[in-house]
C-alpha atoms as a PDB file:
ATOM      1  CA  MET A   1       5.508 -19.219   9.064  1.00  0.00           C
ATOM      2  CA  PRO A   2       8.939 -17.888  10.141  1.00  0.00           C
ATOM      3  CA  LYS A   3       9.131 -15.191  12.767  1.00  0.00           C
ATOM      4  CA  TYR A   4      10.364 -12.643  10.255  1.00  0.00           C
ATOM      5  CA  PHE A   5       8.866 -12.176   6.809  1.00  0.00           C
ATOM      6  CA  TYR A   6      11.089 -10.400   4.314  1.00  0.00           C
ATOM      7  CA  PHE A   7       9.369  -9.009   1.253  1.00  0.00           C
ATOM      8  CA  ILE A   8      12.088  -9.070  -1.394  1.00  0.00           C
ATOM      9  CA  LEU A   9      11.246  -7.360  -4.659  1.00  0.00           C
ATOM     10  CA  LEU A  10      13.192  -8.820  -7.562  1.00  0.00           C
ATOM     11  CA  PHE A  11      13.028  -7.109 -10.951  1.00  0.00           C
ATOM     12  CA  LYS A  12       9.681  -8.153 -12.425  1.00  0.00           C
ATOM     13  CA  TYR A  13       8.714 -10.376  -9.484  1.00  0.00           C
ATOM     14  CA  ALA A  14       7.637  -9.722  -5.906  1.00  0.00           C
ATOM     15  CA  THR A  15       8.277 -12.508  -3.425  1.00  0.00           C
ATOM     16  CA  VAL A  16       5.553 -12.609  -0.781  1.00  0.00           C
ATOM     17  CA  PHE A  17       5.302 -14.795   2.335  1.00  0.00           C
ATOM     18  CA  GLY A  18       8.134 -17.192   1.667  1.00  0.00           C
ATOM     19  CA  GLN A  19       8.300 -18.671  -1.822  1.00  0.00           C
ATOM     20  CA  GLN A  20       5.081 -17.261  -3.303  1.00  0.00           C
ATOM     21  CA  LYS A  21       5.813 -14.868  -6.165  1.00  0.00           C
ATOM     22  CA  ILE A  22       3.801 -12.247  -7.997  1.00  0.00           C
ATOM     23  CA  ASP A  23       4.541 -11.597 -11.658  1.00  0.00           C
ATOM     24  CA  ILE A  24       4.493  -7.789 -11.744  1.00  0.00           C
ATOM     25  CA  THR A  25       2.934  -6.126 -14.786  1.00  0.00           C
ATOM     26  CA  ASN A  26       2.079  -2.700 -13.326  1.00  0.00           C
ATOM     27  CA  GLU A  27       3.324  -0.344 -10.647  1.00  0.00           C
ATOM     28  CA  ALA A  28       1.509   2.531  -8.936  1.00  0.00           C
ATOM     29  CA  ARG A  29       2.888   4.813  -6.240  1.00  0.00           C
ATOM     30  CA  TYR A  30       0.745   6.659  -3.727  1.00  0.00           C
ATOM     31  CA  GLU A  31       1.227   9.405  -1.197  1.00  0.00           C
ATOM     32  CA  LEU A  32      -0.795   9.083   1.989  1.00  0.00           C
ATOM     33  CA  LYS A  33      -1.480  12.236   3.981  1.00  0.00           C
ATOM     34  CA  PHE A  34      -2.955  11.387   7.368  1.00  0.00           C
ATOM     35  CA  LYS A  35      -3.505  12.934  10.783  1.00  0.00           C
ATOM     36  CA  GLU A  36      -1.174  11.809  13.537  1.00  0.00           C
ATOM     37  CA  TYR A  37      -3.447  11.374  16.558  1.00  0.00           C
ATOM     38  CA  LYS A  38      -0.673  10.447  18.981  1.00  0.00           C
ATOM     39  CA  LYS A  39      -0.367  14.140  19.812  1.00  0.00           C
ATOM     40  CA  GLN A  40      -2.931  16.319  21.565  1.00  0.00           C
ATOM     41  CA  ASN A  41      -3.112  18.573  18.514  1.00  0.00           C
ATOM     42  CA  PRO A  42      -2.894  16.147  15.570  1.00  0.00           C
ATOM     43  CA  GLU A  43      -0.768  17.162  12.617  1.00  0.00           C
ATOM     44  CA  TYR A  44      -0.668  15.788   9.104  1.00  0.00           C
ATOM     45  CA  VAL A  45       2.025  13.216   8.346  1.00  0.00           C
ATOM     46  CA  THR A  46       2.978  11.893   4.904  1.00  0.00           C
ATOM     47  CA  ASN A  47       4.015   8.351   3.960  1.00  0.00           C
ATOM     48  CA  THR A  48       4.488   6.901   0.479  1.00  0.00           C
ATOM     49  CA  PHE A  49       3.486   3.435  -0.726  1.00  0.00           C
ATOM     50  CA  ILE A  50       4.023   1.229  -3.748  1.00  0.00           C
ATOM     51  CA  LEU A  51       1.359  -0.980  -5.349  1.00  0.00           C
ATOM     52  CA  LEU A  52       2.646  -3.827  -7.543  1.00  0.00           C
ATOM     53  CA  PHE A  53       0.127  -5.971  -9.397  1.00  0.00           C
ATOM     54  CA  ASN A  54      -1.054  -8.050 -12.304  1.00  0.00           C
ATOM     55  CA  ASN A  55      -4.554  -9.029 -13.420  1.00  0.00           C
ATOM     56  CA  LYS A  56      -5.066 -11.512 -10.574  1.00  0.00           C
ATOM     57  CA  GLU A  57      -3.245 -10.232  -7.492  1.00  0.00           C
ATOM     58  CA  SER A  58      -1.617  -7.192  -5.909  1.00  0.00           C
ATOM     59  CA  PHE A  59       1.016  -6.275  -3.352  1.00  0.00           C
ATOM     60  CA  PHE A  60       0.889  -2.971  -1.409  1.00  0.00           C
ATOM     61  CA  LYS A  61       3.796  -1.864   0.771  1.00  0.00           C
ATOM     62  CA  ASN A  62       5.229   1.184   2.503  1.00  0.00           C
ATOM     63  CA  MET A  63       7.947   2.663   0.296  1.00  0.00           C
ATOM     64  CA  SER A  64      10.463   2.821   3.153  1.00  0.00           C
ATOM     65  CA  LEU A  65      10.174  -0.934   3.666  1.00  0.00           C
ATOM     66  CA  TYR A  66      10.342  -1.502  -0.081  1.00  0.00           C
ATOM     67  CA  VAL A  67      13.619   0.433  -0.284  1.00  0.00           C
ATOM     68  CA  ARG A  68      15.037  -1.295   2.787  1.00  0.00           C
ATOM     69  CA  ASP A  69      14.252  -4.778   1.507  1.00  0.00           C
ATOM     70  CA  SER A  70      15.652  -3.958  -1.919  1.00  0.00           C
ATOM     71  CA  LEU A  71      18.910  -2.818  -0.286  1.00  0.00           C
ATOM     72  CA  VAL A  72      19.048  -6.007   1.784  1.00  0.00           C
ATOM     73  CA  ASP A  73      18.384  -8.137  -1.295  1.00  0.00           C
ATOM     74  CA  ASN A  74      21.166  -6.418  -3.230  1.00  0.00           C
ATOM     75  CA  GLY A  75      23.620  -6.764  -0.366  1.00  0.00           C
ATOM     76  CA  LYS A  76      23.880  -3.020   0.260  1.00  0.00           C
ATOM     77  CA  ILE A  77      22.908  -3.397   3.918  1.00  0.00           C
ATOM     78  CA  ARG A  78      22.692  -6.448   6.167  1.00  0.00           C
ATOM     79  CA  ARG A  79      21.554  -7.419   9.636  1.00  0.00           C
ATOM     80  CA  THR A  80      24.172  -8.398  12.205  1.00  0.00           C
ATOM     81  CA  GLY A  81      21.739  -9.641  14.853  1.00  0.00           C
ATOM     82  CA  ASP A  82      23.000  -6.992  17.259  1.00  0.00           C
ATOM     83  CA  PRO A  83      20.215  -4.397  17.847  1.00  0.00           C
ATOM     84  CA  GLN A  84      22.726  -1.704  18.817  1.00  0.00           C
ATOM     85  CA  LYS A  85      24.533  -2.113  15.492  1.00  0.00           C
ATOM     86  CA  ASP A  86      21.419  -2.712  13.380  1.00  0.00           C
ATOM     87  CA  PHE A  87      19.281   0.164  14.620  1.00  0.00           C
ATOM     88  CA  PRO A  88      21.435   3.014  13.186  1.00  0.00           C
ATOM     89  CA  VAL A  89      21.309   1.292   9.776  1.00  0.00           C
ATOM     90  CA  PHE A  90      17.742  -0.027   9.706  1.00  0.00           C
ATOM     91  CA  GLY A  91      16.077   2.493  12.002  1.00  0.00           C
ATOM     92  CA  LYS A  92      15.902   5.173   9.313  1.00  0.00           C
ATOM     93  CA  TYR A  93      13.741   2.859   7.179  1.00  0.00           C
ATOM     94  CA  VAL A  94      11.074   2.430   9.878  1.00  0.00           C
ATOM     95  CA  PRO A  95       7.911   4.210   8.639  1.00  0.00           C
ATOM     96  CA  ASP A  96       4.886   5.436  10.587  1.00  0.00           C
ATOM     97  CA  LEU A  97       2.734   2.756   8.938  1.00  0.00           C
ATOM     98  CA  PRO A  98       4.884  -0.372   8.448  1.00  0.00           C
ATOM     99  CA  TYR A  99       2.246  -2.615   6.912  1.00  0.00           C
ATOM    100  CA  THR A 100       2.052  -4.783   3.810  1.00  0.00           C
ATOM    101  CA  ILE A 101      -1.107  -5.975   2.054  1.00  0.00           C
ATOM    102  CA  TYR A 102      -1.296  -8.904  -0.352  1.00  0.00           C
ATOM    103  CA  ARG A 103      -4.553  -9.310  -2.260  1.00  0.00           C
ATOM    104  CA  LYS A 104      -5.999 -12.034  -4.421  1.00  0.00           C
ATOM    105  CA  ASP A 105      -9.589 -11.503  -5.561  1.00  0.00           C
ATOM    106  CA  LYS A 106     -11.542 -10.263  -2.508  1.00  0.00           C
ATOM    107  CA  THR A 107      -9.231 -11.834   0.067  1.00  0.00           C
ATOM    108  CA  ILE A 108      -6.315  -9.941   1.589  1.00  0.00           C
ATOM    109  CA  ILE A 109      -3.488 -10.856   3.913  1.00  0.00           C
ATOM    110  CA  PHE A 110      -2.555  -7.894   6.070  1.00  0.00           C
ATOM    111  CA  SER A 111       0.776  -7.898   7.903  1.00  0.00           C
ATOM    112  CA  ASN A 112       2.174  -5.240  10.199  1.00  0.00           C
ATOM    113  CA  GLU A 113       5.854  -5.161  11.055  1.00  0.00           C
ATOM    114  CA  ILE A 114       6.990  -4.696  14.646  1.00  0.00           C
ATOM    115  CA  VAL A 115      10.469  -3.182  14.767  1.00  0.00           C
ATOM    116  CA  PHE A 116      13.121  -5.820  15.553  1.00  0.00           C
ATOM    117  CA  SER A 117      10.428  -8.127  16.967  1.00  0.00           C
ATOM    118  CA  GLY A 118       8.814  -9.760  13.923  1.00  0.00           C
ATOM    119  CA  GLU A 119       5.300  -9.038  12.747  1.00  0.00           C
ATOM    120  CA  TYR A 120       1.703 -10.127  12.991  1.00  0.00           C
ATOM    121  CA  GLN A 121      -0.728 -10.841  10.188  1.00  0.00           C
ATOM    122  CA  TYR A 122      -4.314 -11.767   9.498  1.00  0.00           C
ATOM    123  CA  ALA A 123      -6.481 -12.670   6.517  1.00  0.00           C
ATOM    124  CA  GLU A 124      -9.898 -11.221   5.721  1.00  0.00           C
ATOM    125  CA  THR A 125     -12.394 -10.957   2.904  1.00  0.00           C
ATOM    126  CA  ILE A 126     -13.633  -7.475   2.021  1.00  0.00           C
ATOM    127  CA  ASP A 127     -16.488  -6.608  -0.307  1.00  0.00           C
ATOM    128  CA  PHE A 128     -16.975  -2.932  -1.170  1.00  0.00           C
ATOM    129  CA  LYS A 129     -20.376  -1.581  -2.198  1.00  0.00           C
ATOM    130  CA  TRP A 130     -19.473   1.336  -4.428  1.00  0.00           C
ATOM    131  CA  LYS A 131     -21.894   3.986  -5.706  1.00  0.00           C
ATOM    132  CA  ILE A 132     -20.608   5.410  -8.982  1.00  0.00           C
ATOM    133  CA  SER A 133     -21.666   8.932  -9.951  1.00  0.00           C
ATOM    134  CA  LYS A 134     -21.362  11.002 -13.117  1.00  0.00           C
ATOM    135  CA  GLU A 135     -19.096  13.516 -11.410  1.00  0.00           C
ATOM    136  CA  MET A 136     -15.572  13.735 -12.795  1.00  0.00           C
ATOM    137  CA  LYS A 137     -12.256  15.184 -11.653  1.00  0.00           C
ATOM    138  CA  VAL A 138      -8.736  15.388 -13.068  1.00  0.00           C
ATOM    139  CA  VAL A 139      -6.224  13.683 -10.781  1.00  0.00           C
ATOM    140  CA  ASN A 140      -2.545  13.837 -11.702  1.00  0.00           C
ATOM    141  CA  GLY A 141      -3.468  14.767 -15.267  1.00  0.00           C
ATOM    142  CA  VAL A 142      -5.945  11.904 -15.709  1.00  0.00           C
ATOM    143  CA  LYS A 143      -9.728  12.290 -15.954  1.00  0.00           C
ATOM    144  CA  CYS A 144     -11.345  10.219 -13.212  1.00  0.00           C
ATOM    145  CA  ILE A 145     -14.892   9.288 -12.154  1.00  0.00           C
ATOM    146  CA  LYS A 146     -16.210   9.723  -8.630  1.00  0.00           C
ATOM    147  CA  ALA A 147     -17.405   6.786  -6.516  1.00  0.00           C
ATOM    148  CA  THR A 148     -18.413   6.581  -2.852  1.00  0.00           C
ATOM    149  CA  THR A 149     -18.666   3.861  -0.223  1.00  0.00           C
ATOM    150  CA  THR A 150     -18.937   3.356   3.526  1.00  0.00           C
ATOM    151  CA  LYS A 151     -16.407   1.165   5.306  1.00  0.00           C
ATOM    152  CA  TRP A 152     -14.749   0.970   8.755  1.00  0.00           C
ATOM    153  CA  GLY A 153     -17.207   3.527  10.144  1.00  0.00           C
ATOM    154  CA  ARG A 154     -16.262   6.192   7.592  1.00  0.00           C
ATOM    155  CA  ASN A 155     -17.639   7.534   4.333  1.00  0.00           C
ATOM    156  CA  TRP A 156     -15.085   7.384   1.538  1.00  0.00           C
ATOM    157  CA  THR A 157     -14.828   9.187  -1.789  1.00  0.00           C
ATOM    158  CA  ALA A 158     -12.695   7.700  -4.542  1.00  0.00           C
ATOM    159  CA  TYR A 159     -11.776   8.817  -8.048  1.00  0.00           C
ATOM    160  CA  TYR A 160     -10.880   6.069 -10.510  1.00  0.00           C
ATOM    161  CA  SER A 161      -9.656   6.093 -14.101  1.00  0.00           C
ATOM    162  CA  PRO A 162     -11.742   4.171 -16.674  1.00  0.00           C
ATOM    163  CA  LYS A 163      -8.706   4.339 -18.994  1.00  0.00           C
ATOM    164  CA  HIS A 164      -6.887   2.073 -16.544  1.00  0.00           C
ATOM    165  CA  PRO A 165      -9.316  -0.894 -16.278  1.00  0.00           C
ATOM    166  CA  ILE A 166      -7.727  -2.350 -13.170  1.00  0.00           C
ATOM    167  CA  PRO A 167      -9.847  -2.967 -10.031  1.00  0.00           C
ATOM    168  CA  TYR A 168      -7.080  -2.074  -7.539  1.00  0.00           C
ATOM    169  CA  GLY A 169      -6.263   0.876  -5.367  1.00  0.00           C
ATOM    170  CA  PRO A 170      -4.269   1.871  -2.286  1.00  0.00           C
ATOM    171  CA  TYR A 171      -4.556   0.175   1.103  1.00  0.00           C
ATOM    172  CA  LYS A 172      -7.501  -2.293   1.084  1.00  0.00           C
ATOM    173  CA  PHE A 173      -9.576  -0.417  -1.505  1.00  0.00           C
ATOM    174  CA  TYR A 174     -10.715  -2.545  -4.419  1.00  0.00           C
ATOM    175  CA  GLY A 175     -13.529  -3.299  -6.825  1.00  0.00           C
ATOM    176  CA  LEU A 176     -14.002  -0.263  -9.055  1.00  0.00           C
ATOM    177  CA  PRO A 177     -13.882  -0.606 -12.873  1.00  0.00           C
ATOM    178  CA  GLY A 178     -10.611   1.312 -12.977  1.00  0.00           C
ATOM    179  CA  LEU A 179      -7.464   2.046 -10.987  1.00  0.00           C
ATOM    180  CA  ILE A 180      -8.113   4.329  -8.010  1.00  0.00           C
ATOM    181  CA  PHE A 181      -6.146   7.552  -8.365  1.00  0.00           C
ATOM    182  CA  GLU A 182      -7.415   9.224  -5.203  1.00  0.00           C
ATOM    183  CA  VAL A 183      -9.421   8.192  -2.141  1.00  0.00           C
ATOM    184  CA  TYR A 184     -10.198  10.023   1.094  1.00  0.00           C
ATOM    185  CA  ASP A 185     -12.655  10.004   3.987  1.00  0.00           C
ATOM    186  CA  ASP A 186     -15.164  12.743   4.797  1.00  0.00           C
ATOM    187  CA  TYR A 187     -12.948  14.261   7.489  1.00  0.00           C
ATOM    188  CA  LYS A 188      -9.811  14.111   5.319  1.00  0.00           C
ATOM    189  CA  ASP A 189      -8.089  12.187   8.095  1.00  0.00           C
ATOM    190  CA  TYR A 190      -6.694   9.908   5.370  1.00  0.00           C
ATOM    191  CA  THR A 191      -6.030  10.894   1.754  1.00  0.00           C
ATOM    192  CA  PHE A 192      -4.316   8.600  -0.740  1.00  0.00           C
ATOM    193  CA  SER A 193      -3.182  10.227  -4.004  1.00  0.00           C
ATOM    194  CA  LEU A 194      -1.505   8.465  -6.916  1.00  0.00           C
ATOM    195  CA  TYR A 195       1.622  10.279  -8.093  1.00  0.00           C
ATOM    196  CA  ARG A 196       3.154   7.708 -10.448  1.00  0.00           C
ATOM    197  CA  PHE A 197       1.933   4.866 -12.637  1.00  0.00           C
ATOM    198  CA  LYS A 198       3.836   2.692 -15.094  1.00  0.00           C
ATOM    199  CA  LYS A 199       3.737  -0.685 -16.751  1.00  0.00           C
ATOM    200  CA  GLU A 200       6.688  -2.909 -15.928  1.00  0.00           C
END
């Protein structure tokens, strides 16, 4: 693998990890509201993400990185190799959570970008054990069904749409019989909310 991995999004395709491409059929955008624990009194911070997918695989990325890579791909901005020149241009696209997640079935490849230094990645297999209830809630104008699970030492509540029979969701969440429109932990330290969905 090269030291730098550029995730170039081209029209109806997403290029992931070199030459591998995803044929995009759907797009979902999420807002993540999370507590910033770097400070003594944590405050909520907001980042946005884009989820691109088809029936077999998905690609989840911070929106700032998505925009940056699209600008690079279209020749709007370019790297000079000089950090002093590049930082004013690229620094404004550095998000709080600069990670990308590629998923195929239950296996994901998680990569986290380190500013001007490259990035690290790892692969893992995740299996969620969801408990689906009869409780319902309207999220972004869509009627959704409640489901719960425990993962990473936290209890999570998700609301998915049965009218969107897609097993994906934000971050690493997966495996419900519908697209996840909202998911959060018991302490509301992390809340993902879908604000846009469209078919490509």
